[in-house]
Amino acid sequence: MNFSEPFIRRPVMTTVLTVSVILFGILSYSRLPVNDLPAVDYPVIQVQVSYPGASPDTVANAIATPLERQFMQINGLELITSKSSPKAAREMQA
């Protein structure tokens, strides 16, 4: 007796078993707790520094660069952007 013999002899049992497996699969698939786009909050640090009367180069060298060096020591930090203007420096990290 081979594996497929009872299924060949009883086609109704084969049909009922196949339909129940398909329905169980559809029911199980619809109850999976999976999100296409998981909700993730990325940490953001924003620093704004004012240095009245300073040029953008001075602000970048005296304020932005030392801050960038300090921020690079934070674990998990992936992106640092900075913007220096005539009176201020702005740092954003994510």
PDB file of N, CA and C in Angstrom:
ATOM      1  N   MET A   1       0.845  -1.178   0.000  1.00  0.00           N
ATOM      2  CA  MET A   1       0.000   0.000   0.000  1.00  0.00           C
ATOM      3  C   MET A   1       0.895   1.247   0.000  1.00  0.00           C
ATOM      4  N   ASN A   2       0.676   2.119  -0.973  1.00  0.00           N
ATOM      5  CA  ASN A   2       1.481   3.331  -1.030  1.00  0.00           C
ATOM      6  C   ASN A   2       0.710   4.511  -0.414  1.00  0.00           C
ATOM      7  N   PHE A   3       1.366   5.635  -0.325  1.00  0.00           N
ATOM      8  CA  PHE A   3       0.804   6.800   0.358  1.00  0.00           C
ATOM      9  C   PHE A   3      -0.445   7.353  -0.336  1.00  0.00           C
ATOM     10  N   SER A   4      -0.492   7.346  -1.640  1.00  0.00           N
ATOM     11  CA  SER A   4      -1.603   7.968  -2.363  1.00  0.00           C
ATOM     12  C   SER A   4      -2.824   7.064  -2.536  1.00  0.00           C
ATOM     13  N   GLU A   5      -2.728   5.801  -2.203  1.00  0.00           N
ATOM     14  CA  GLU A   5      -3.845   4.861  -2.422  1.00  0.00           C
ATOM     15  C   GLU A   5      -5.129   5.238  -1.675  1.00  0.00           C
ATOM     16  N   PRO A   6      -5.096   5.606  -0.371  1.00  0.00           N
ATOM     17  CA  PRO A   6      -6.356   5.972   0.286  1.00  0.00           C
ATOM     18  C   PRO A   6      -6.999   7.235  -0.305  1.00  0.00           C
ATOM     19  N   PHE A   7      -6.180   8.129  -0.826  1.00  0.00           N
ATOM     20  CA  PHE A   7      -6.732   9.332  -1.433  1.00  0.00           C
ATOM     21  C   PHE A   7      -7.369   9.046  -2.791  1.00  0.00           C
ATOM     22  N   ILE A   8      -6.861   8.056  -3.477  1.00  0.00           N
ATOM     23  CA  ILE A   8      -7.444   7.670  -4.761  1.00  0.00           C
ATOM     24  C   ILE A   8      -8.759   6.913  -4.523  1.00  0.00           C
ATOM     25  N   ARG A   9      -8.800   6.072  -3.502  1.00  0.00           N
ATOM     26  CA  ARG A   9     -10.013   5.293  -3.209  1.00  0.00           C
ATOM     27  C   ARG A   9     -11.137   6.164  -2.662  1.00  0.00           C
ATOM     28  N   ARG A  10     -10.825   7.217  -1.941  1.00  0.00           N
ATOM     29  CA  ARG A  10     -11.845   8.068  -1.315  1.00  0.00           C
ATOM     30  C   ARG A  10     -11.698   9.512  -1.802  1.00  0.00           C
ATOM     31  N   PRO A  11     -12.238   9.832  -2.963  1.00  0.00           N
ATOM     32  CA  PRO A  11     -12.096  11.192  -3.505  1.00  0.00           C
ATOM     33  C   PRO A  11     -12.837  12.243  -2.669  1.00  0.00           C
ATOM     34  N   VAL A  12     -13.911  11.877  -1.983  1.00  0.00           N
ATOM     35  CA  VAL A  12     -14.631  12.844  -1.151  1.00  0.00           C
ATOM     36  C   VAL A  12     -13.756  13.231   0.038  1.00  0.00           C
ATOM     37  N   MET A  13     -13.101  12.260   0.657  1.00  0.00           N
ATOM     38  CA  MET A  13     -12.205  12.559   1.766  1.00  0.00           C
ATOM     39  C   MET A  13     -11.051  13.453   1.284  1.00  0.00           C
ATOM     40  N   THR A  14     -10.543  13.171   0.103  1.00  0.00           N
ATOM     41  CA  THR A  14      -9.466  13.978  -0.458  1.00  0.00           C
ATOM     42  C   THR A  14      -9.921  15.413  -0.678  1.00  0.00           C
ATOM     43  N   THR A  15     -11.126  15.599  -1.200  1.00  0.00           N
ATOM     44  CA  THR A  15     -11.662  16.937  -1.447  1.00  0.00           C
ATOM     45  C   THR A  15     -11.897  17.682  -0.140  1.00  0.00           C
ATOM     46  N   VAL A  16     -12.480  17.015   0.852  1.00  0.00           N
ATOM     47  CA  VAL A  16     -12.741  17.657   2.149  1.00  0.00           C
ATOM     48  C   VAL A  16     -11.424  18.035   2.827  1.00  0.00           C
ATOM     49  N   LEU A  17     -10.443  17.167   2.782  1.00  0.00           N
ATOM     50  CA  LEU A  17      -9.146  17.450   3.379  1.00  0.00           C
ATOM     51  C   LEU A  17      -8.457  18.626   2.677  1.00  0.00           C
ATOM     52  N   THR A  18      -8.522  18.661   1.364  1.00  0.00           N
ATOM     53  CA  THR A  18      -7.912  19.756   0.603  1.00  0.00           C
ATOM     54  C   THR A  18      -8.588  21.083   0.904  1.00  0.00           C
ATOM     55  N   VAL A  19      -9.911  21.108   0.929  1.00  0.00           N
ATOM     56  CA  VAL A  19     -10.648  22.339   1.224  1.00  0.00           C
ATOM     57  C   VAL A  19     -10.365  22.801   2.654  1.00  0.00           C
ATOM     58  N   SER A  20     -10.303  21.871   3.603  1.00  0.00           N
ATOM     59  CA  SER A  20     -10.034  22.285   4.986  1.00  0.00           C
ATOM     60  C   SER A  20      -8.618  22.846   5.140  1.00  0.00           C
ATOM     61  N   VAL A  21      -7.640  22.287   4.450  1.00  0.00           N
ATOM     62  CA  VAL A  21      -6.281  22.815   4.503  1.00  0.00           C
ATOM     63  C   VAL A  21      -6.226  24.213   3.887  1.00  0.00           C
ATOM     64  N   ILE A  22      -6.913  24.427   2.778  1.00  0.00           N
ATOM     65  CA  ILE A  22      -6.941  25.751   2.136  1.00  0.00           C
ATOM     66  C   ILE A  22      -7.628  26.768   3.039  1.00  0.00           C
ATOM     67  N   LEU A  23      -8.769  26.410   3.631  1.00  0.00           N
ATOM     68  CA  LEU A  23      -9.465  27.344   4.518  1.00  0.00           C
ATOM     69  C   LEU A  23      -8.644  27.655   5.763  1.00  0.00           C
ATOM     70  N   PHE A  24      -8.006  26.648   6.325  1.00  0.00           N
ATOM     71  CA  PHE A  24      -7.149  26.880   7.485  1.00  0.00           C
ATOM     72  C   PHE A  24      -5.981  27.797   7.121  1.00  0.00           C
ATOM     73  N   GLY A  25      -5.414  27.617   5.949  1.00  0.00           N
ATOM     74  CA  GLY A  25      -4.319  28.473   5.492  1.00  0.00           C
ATOM     75  C   GLY A  25      -4.757  29.913   5.294  1.00  0.00           C
ATOM     76  N   ILE A  26      -5.917  30.121   4.683  1.00  0.00           N
ATOM     77  CA  ILE A  26      -6.439  31.474   4.485  1.00  0.00           C
ATOM     78  C   ILE A  26      -6.733  32.132   5.824  1.00  0.00           C
ATOM     79  N   LEU A  27      -7.350  31.395   6.733  1.00  0.00           N
ATOM     80  CA  LEU A  27      -7.664  31.928   8.060  1.00  0.00           C
ATOM     81  C   LEU A  27      -6.386  32.277   8.823  1.00  0.00           C
ATOM     82  N   SER A  28      -5.405  31.407   8.765  1.00  0.00           N
ATOM     83  CA  SER A  28      -4.135  31.670   9.459  1.00  0.00           C
ATOM     84  C   SER A  28      -3.403  32.854   8.851  1.00  0.00           C
ATOM     85  N   TYR A  29      -3.405  32.970   7.534  1.00  0.00           N
ATOM     86  CA  TYR A  29      -2.720  34.079   6.859  1.00  0.00           C
ATOM     87  C   TYR A  29      -3.356  35.422   7.211  1.00  0.00           C
ATOM     88  N   SER A  30      -4.675  35.438   7.313  1.00  0.00           N
ATOM     89  CA  SER A  30      -5.351  36.708   7.612  1.00  0.00           C
ATOM     90  C   SER A  30      -5.119  37.151   9.059  1.00  0.00           C
ATOM     91  N   ARG A  31      -4.724  36.251   9.923  1.00  0.00           N
ATOM     92  CA  ARG A  31      -4.489  36.606  11.328  1.00  0.00           C
ATOM     93  C   ARG A  31      -3.021  36.826  11.671  1.00  0.00           C
ATOM     94  N   LEU A  32      -2.144  36.854  10.681  1.00  0.00           N
ATOM     95  CA  LEU A  32      -0.730  37.094  10.946  1.00  0.00           C
ATOM     96  C   LEU A  32      -0.521  38.530  11.413  1.00  0.00           C
ATOM     97  N   PRO A  33       0.234  38.741  12.501  1.00  0.00           N
ATOM     98  CA  PRO A  33       0.458  40.099  13.004  1.00  0.00           C
ATOM     99  C   PRO A  33       1.660  40.769  12.332  1.00  0.00           C
ATOM    100  N   VAL A  34       1.552  41.037  11.030  1.00  0.00           N
ATOM    101  CA  VAL A  34       2.654  41.624  10.285  1.00  0.00           C
ATOM    102  C   VAL A  34       2.191  42.927   9.653  1.00  0.00           C
ATOM    103  N   ASN A  35       3.007  43.981   9.793  1.00  0.00           N
ATOM    104  CA  ASN A  35       2.713  45.265   9.168  1.00  0.00           C
ATOM    105  C   ASN A  35       3.623  45.456   7.958  1.00  0.00           C
ATOM    106  N   ASP A  36       3.076  46.014   6.891  1.00  0.00           N
ATOM    107  CA  ASP A  36       3.892  46.309   5.725  1.00  0.00           C
ATOM    108  C   ASP A  36       4.911  47.392   6.047  1.00  0.00           C
ATOM    109  N   LEU A  37       4.479  48.428   6.743  1.00  0.00           N
ATOM    110  CA  LEU A  37       5.351  49.528   7.139  1.00  0.00           C
ATOM    111  C   LEU A  37       5.293  49.678   8.650  1.00  0.00           C
ATOM    112  N   PRO A  38       6.261  49.140   9.361  1.00  0.00           N
ATOM    113  CA  PRO A  38       6.218  49.240  10.817  1.00  0.00           C
ATOM    114  C   PRO A  38       6.400  50.686  11.277  1.00  0.00           C
ATOM    115  N   ALA A  39       5.801  51.016  12.403  1.00  0.00           N
ATOM    116  CA  ALA A  39       5.917  52.351  12.973  1.00  0.00           C
ATOM    117  C   ALA A  39       7.255  52.458  13.699  1.00  0.00           C
ATOM    118  N   VAL A  40       8.139  53.281  13.172  1.00  0.00           N
ATOM    119  CA  VAL A  40       9.467  53.447  13.745  1.00  0.00           C
ATOM    120  C   VAL A  40       9.692  54.931  13.995  1.00  0.00           C
ATOM    121  N   ASP A  41      10.087  55.269  15.202  1.00  0.00           N
ATOM    122  CA  ASP A  41      10.420  56.648  15.545  1.00  0.00           C
ATOM    123  C   ASP A  41      11.930  56.788  15.568  1.00  0.00           C
ATOM    124  N   TYR A  42      12.455  57.574  14.649  1.00  0.00           N
ATOM    125  CA  TYR A  42      13.884  57.801  14.600  1.00  0.00           C
ATOM    126  C   TYR A  42      14.226  58.970  15.519  1.00  0.00           C
ATOM    127  N   PRO A  43      15.236  58.811  16.368  1.00  0.00           N
ATOM    128  CA  PRO A  43      15.605  59.908  17.265  1.00  0.00           C
ATOM    129  C   PRO A  43      16.246  61.051  16.478  1.00  0.00           C
ATOM    130  N   VAL A  44      15.865  62.255  16.817  1.00  0.00           N
ATOM    131  CA  VAL A  44      16.404  63.441  16.155  1.00  0.00           C
ATOM    132  C   VAL A  44      16.879  64.416  17.225  1.00  0.00           C
ATOM    133  N   ILE A  45      18.092  64.905  17.068  1.00  0.00           N
ATOM    134  CA  ILE A  45      18.635  65.933  17.944  1.00  0.00           C
ATOM    135  C   ILE A  45      18.817  67.183  17.096  1.00  0.00           C
ATOM    136  N   GLN A  46      18.331  68.291  17.585  1.00  0.00           N
ATOM    137  CA  GLN A  46      18.475  69.540  16.847  1.00  0.00           C
ATOM    138  C   GLN A  46      19.100  70.584  17.768  1.00  0.00           C
ATOM    139  N   VAL A  47      20.194  71.200  17.314  1.00  0.00           N
ATOM    140  CA  VAL A  47      20.911  72.203  18.099  1.00  0.00           C
ATOM    141  C   VAL A  47      21.015  73.467  17.254  1.00  0.00           C
ATOM    142  N   GLN A  48      20.685  74.599  17.853  1.00  0.00           N
ATOM    143  CA  GLN A  48      20.823  75.876  17.165  1.00  0.00           C
ATOM    144  C   GLN A  48      21.623  76.809  18.067  1.00  0.00           C
ATOM    145  N   VAL A  49      22.726  77.346  17.525  1.00  0.00           N
ATOM    146  CA  VAL A  49      23.644  78.170  18.295  1.00  0.00           C
ATOM    147  C   VAL A  49      23.757  79.532  17.628  1.00  0.00           C
ATOM    148  N   SER A  50      23.754  80.574  18.441  1.00  0.00           N
ATOM    149  CA  SER A  50      23.879  81.935  17.936  1.00  0.00           C
ATOM    150  C   SER A  50      25.248  82.496  18.286  1.00  0.00           C
ATOM    151  N   TYR A  51      25.898  83.130  17.311  1.00  0.00           N
ATOM    152  CA  TYR A  51      27.193  83.770  17.522  1.00  0.00           C
ATOM    153  C   TYR A  51      27.153  85.101  16.769  1.00  0.00           C
ATOM    154  N   PRO A  52      26.585  86.144  17.381  1.00  0.00           N
ATOM    155  CA  PRO A  52      26.400  87.428  16.697  1.00  0.00           C
ATOM    156  C   PRO A  52      27.722  88.036  16.220  1.00  0.00           C
ATOM    157  N   GLY A  53      27.704  88.516  14.997  1.00  0.00           N
ATOM    158  CA  GLY A  53      28.857  89.196  14.417  1.00  0.00           C
ATOM    159  C   GLY A  53      29.897  88.282  13.800  1.00  0.00           C
ATOM    160  N   ALA A  54      29.704  86.985  13.837  1.00  0.00           N
ATOM    161  CA  ALA A  54      30.691  86.052  13.296  1.00  0.00           C
ATOM    162  C   ALA A  54      30.362  85.712  11.846  1.00  0.00           C
ATOM    163  N   SER A  55      31.388  85.426  11.073  1.00  0.00           N
ATOM    164  CA  SER A  55      31.188  85.016   9.681  1.00  0.00           C
ATOM    165  C   SER A  55      30.798  83.535   9.647  1.00  0.00           C
ATOM    166  N   PRO A  56      30.250  83.069   8.526  1.00  0.00           N
ATOM    167  CA  PRO A  56      29.901  81.641   8.436  1.00  0.00           C
ATOM    168  C   PRO A  56      31.096  80.713   8.639  1.00  0.00           C
ATOM    169  N   ASP A  57      32.292  81.133   8.176  1.00  0.00           N
ATOM    170  CA  ASP A  57      33.481  80.298   8.371  1.00  0.00           C
ATOM    171  C   ASP A  57      33.856  80.202   9.849  1.00  0.00           C
ATOM    172  N   THR A  58      33.750  81.306  10.544  1.00  0.00           N
ATOM    173  CA  THR A  58      34.062  81.304  11.971  1.00  0.00           C
ATOM    174  C   THR A  58      33.068  80.444  12.741  1.00  0.00           C
ATOM    175  N   VAL A  59      31.796  80.585  12.393  1.00  0.00           N
ATOM    176  CA  VAL A  59      30.760  79.771  13.056  1.00  0.00           C
ATOM    177  C   VAL A  59      30.998  78.296  12.776  1.00  0.00           C
ATOM    178  N   ALA A  60      31.353  77.976  11.524  1.00  0.00           N
ATOM    179  CA  ALA A  60      31.598  76.569  11.178  1.00  0.00           C
ATOM    180  C   ALA A  60      32.795  76.010  11.927  1.00  0.00           C
ATOM    181  N   ASN A  61      33.886  76.784  11.994  1.00  0.00           N
ATOM    182  CA  ASN A  61      35.115  76.285  12.634  1.00  0.00           C
ATOM    183  C   ASN A  61      35.038  76.299  14.156  1.00  0.00           C
ATOM    184  N   ALA A  62      34.420  77.320  14.725  1.00  0.00           N
ATOM    185  CA  ALA A  62      34.425  77.462  16.182  1.00  0.00           C
ATOM    186  C   ALA A  62      33.272  76.724  16.855  1.00  0.00           C
ATOM    187  N   ILE A  63      32.170  76.527  16.136  1.00  0.00           N
ATOM    188  CA  ILE A  63      30.983  75.938  16.776  1.00  0.00           C
ATOM    189  C   ILE A  63      30.579  74.617  16.128  1.00  0.00           C
ATOM    190  N   ALA A  64      30.343  74.633  14.820  1.00  0.00           N
ATOM    191  CA  ALA A  64      29.772  73.463  14.151  1.00  0.00           C
ATOM    192  C   ALA A  64      30.706  72.256  14.164  1.00  0.00           C
ATOM    193  N   THR A  65      31.978  72.459  13.844  1.00  0.00           N
ATOM    194  CA  THR A  65      32.915  71.333  13.777  1.00  0.00           C
ATOM    195  C   THR A  65      33.115  70.659  15.138  1.00  0.00           C
ATOM    196  N   PRO A  66      33.339  71.405  16.235  1.00  0.00           N
ATOM    197  CA  PRO A  66      33.450  70.721  17.544  1.00  0.00           C
ATOM    198  C   PRO A  66      32.161  69.996  17.948  1.00  0.00           C
ATOM    199  N   LEU A  67      31.015  70.596  17.616  1.00  0.00           N
ATOM    200  CA  LEU A  67      29.756  69.911  17.928  1.00  0.00           C
ATOM    201  C   LEU A  67      29.621  68.621  17.130  1.00  0.00           C
ATOM    202  N   GLU A  68      29.993  68.656  15.855  1.00  0.00           N
ATOM    203  CA  GLU A  68      29.924  67.446  15.024  1.00  0.00           C
ATOM    204  C   GLU A  68      30.819  66.349  15.598  1.00  0.00           C
ATOM    205  N   ARG A  69      32.006  66.705  16.049  1.00  0.00           N
ATOM    206  CA  ARG A  69      32.907  65.708  16.641  1.00  0.00           C
ATOM    207  C   ARG A  69      32.292  65.068  17.893  1.00  0.00           C
ATOM    208  N   GLN A  70      31.668  65.887  18.722  1.00  0.00           N
ATOM    209  CA  GLN A  70      31.039  65.366  19.935  1.00  0.00           C
ATOM    210  C   GLN A  70      29.831  64.488  19.599  1.00  0.00           C
ATOM    211  N   PHE A  71      29.048  64.908  18.629  1.00  0.00           N
ATOM    212  CA  PHE A  71      27.855  64.137  18.266  1.00  0.00           C
ATOM    213  C   PHE A  71      28.224  62.806  17.620  1.00  0.00           C
ATOM    214  N   MET A  72      29.361  62.728  16.944  1.00  0.00           N
ATOM    215  CA  MET A  72      29.773  61.472  16.313  1.00  0.00           C
ATOM    216  C   MET A  72      30.098  60.397  17.345  1.00  0.00           C
ATOM    217  N   GLN A  73      30.270  60.765  18.603  1.00  0.00           N
ATOM    218  CA  GLN A  73      30.560  59.789  19.648  1.00  0.00           C
ATOM    219  C   GLN A  73      29.291  59.127  20.190  1.00  0.00           C
ATOM    220  N   ILE A  74      28.124  59.596  19.772  1.00  0.00           N
ATOM    221  CA  ILE A  74      26.854  59.018  20.216  1.00  0.00           C
ATOM    222  C   ILE A  74      26.608  57.738  19.428  1.00  0.00           C
ATOM    223  N   ASN A  75      26.351  56.641  20.126  1.00  0.00           N
ATOM    224  CA  ASN A  75      26.086  55.364  19.466  1.00  0.00           C
ATOM    225  C   ASN A  75      24.767  55.415  18.705  1.00  0.00           C
ATOM    226  N   GLY A  76      24.738  54.813  17.533  1.00  0.00           N
ATOM    227  CA  GLY A  76      23.523  54.717  16.753  1.00  0.00           C
ATOM    228  C   GLY A  76      23.243  55.929  15.892  1.00  0.00           C
ATOM    229  N   LEU A  77      24.108  56.906  15.905  1.00  0.00           N
ATOM    230  CA  LEU A  77      23.920  58.113  15.110  1.00  0.00           C
ATOM    231  C   LEU A  77      24.349  57.819  13.683  1.00  0.00           C
ATOM    232  N   GLU A  78      23.458  58.042  12.735  1.00  0.00           N
ATOM    233  CA  GLU A  78      23.742  57.693  11.349  1.00  0.00           C
ATOM    234  C   GLU A  78      23.950  58.894  10.444  1.00  0.00           C
ATOM    235  N   LEU A  79      23.327  60.016  10.750  1.00  0.00           N
ATOM    236  CA  LEU A  79      23.359  61.156   9.842  1.00  0.00           C
ATOM    237  C   LEU A  79      23.559  62.440  10.632  1.00  0.00           C
ATOM    238  N   ILE A  80      24.491  63.260  10.183  1.00  0.00           N
ATOM    239  CA  ILE A  80      24.701  64.574  10.789  1.00  0.00           C
ATOM    240  C   ILE A  80      24.702  65.597   9.666  1.00  0.00           C
ATOM    241  N   THR A  81      23.912  66.626   9.819  1.00  0.00           N
ATOM    242  CA  THR A  81      23.920  67.737   8.879  1.00  0.00           C
ATOM    243  C   THR A  81      24.119  69.012   9.666  1.00  0.00           C
ATOM    244  N   SER A  82      24.819  69.967   9.062  1.00  0.00           N
ATOM    245  CA  SER A  82      25.011  71.247   9.728  1.00  0.00           C
ATOM    246  C   SER A  82      24.863  72.363   8.706  1.00  0.00           C
ATOM    247  N   LYS A  83      24.448  73.499   9.194  1.00  0.00           N
ATOM    248  CA  LYS A  83      24.247  74.677   8.352  1.00  0.00           C
ATOM    249  C   LYS A  83      24.770  75.881   9.123  1.00  0.00           C
ATOM    250  N   SER A  84      25.734  76.572   8.548  1.00  0.00           N
ATOM    251  CA  SER A  84      26.308  77.750   9.190  1.00  0.00           C
ATOM    252  C   SER A  84      25.883  78.992   8.410  1.00  0.00           C
ATOM    253  N   SER A  85      25.375  79.966   9.137  1.00  0.00           N
ATOM    254  CA  SER A  85      24.977  81.234   8.532  1.00  0.00           C
ATOM    255  C   SER A  85      25.732  82.354   9.241  1.00  0.00           C
ATOM    256  N   PRO A  86      25.600  83.610   8.777  1.00  0.00           N
ATOM    257  CA  PRO A  86      26.408  84.690   9.353  1.00  0.00           C
ATOM    258  C   PRO A  86      26.297  84.862  10.863  1.00  0.00           C
ATOM    259  N   LYS A  87      25.225  84.461  11.487  1.00  0.00           N
ATOM    260  CA  LYS A  87      25.124  84.663  12.931  1.00  0.00           C
ATOM    261  C   LYS A  87      24.752  83.413  13.706  1.00  0.00           C
ATOM    262  N   ALA A  88      24.648  82.266  13.041  1.00  0.00           N
ATOM    263  CA  ALA A  88      24.168  81.076  13.754  1.00  0.00           C
ATOM    264  C   ALA A  88      24.694  79.793  13.112  1.00  0.00           C
ATOM    265  N   ALA A  89      24.642  78.748  13.868  1.00  0.00           N
ATOM    266  CA  ALA A  89      24.964  77.410  13.373  1.00  0.00           C
ATOM    267  C   ALA A  89      23.795  76.499  13.755  1.00  0.00           C
ATOM    268  N   ARG A  90      23.473  75.605  12.875  1.00  0.00           N
ATOM    269  CA  ARG A  90      22.362  74.692  13.135  1.00  0.00           C
ATOM    270  C   ARG A  90      22.804  73.280  12.854  1.00  0.00           C
ATOM    271  N   GLU A  91      22.589  72.372  13.802  1.00  0.00           N
ATOM    272  CA  GLU A  91      22.983  70.974  13.691  1.00  0.00           C
ATOM    273  C   GLU A  91      21.728  70.104  13.777  1.00  0.00           C
ATOM    274  N   MET A  92      21.670  69.101  12.909  1.00  0.00           N
ATOM    275  CA  MET A  92      20.576  68.126  12.987  1.00  0.00           C
ATOM    276  C   MET A  92      21.186  66.733  12.893  1.00  0.00           C
ATOM    277  N   GLN A  93      20.747  65.844  13.771  1.00  0.00           N
ATOM    278  CA  GLN A  93      21.209  64.464  13.759  1.00  0.00           C
ATOM    279  C   GLN A  93      20.007  63.540  13.756  1.00  0.00           C
ATOM    280  N   ALA A  94      20.185  62.410  13.137  1.00  0.00           N
ATOM    281  CA  ALA A  94      19.130  61.400  13.154  1.00  0.00           C
ATOM    282  C   ALA A  94      19.767  60.042  13.337  1.00  0.00           C
TER     283      ALA A  94
END
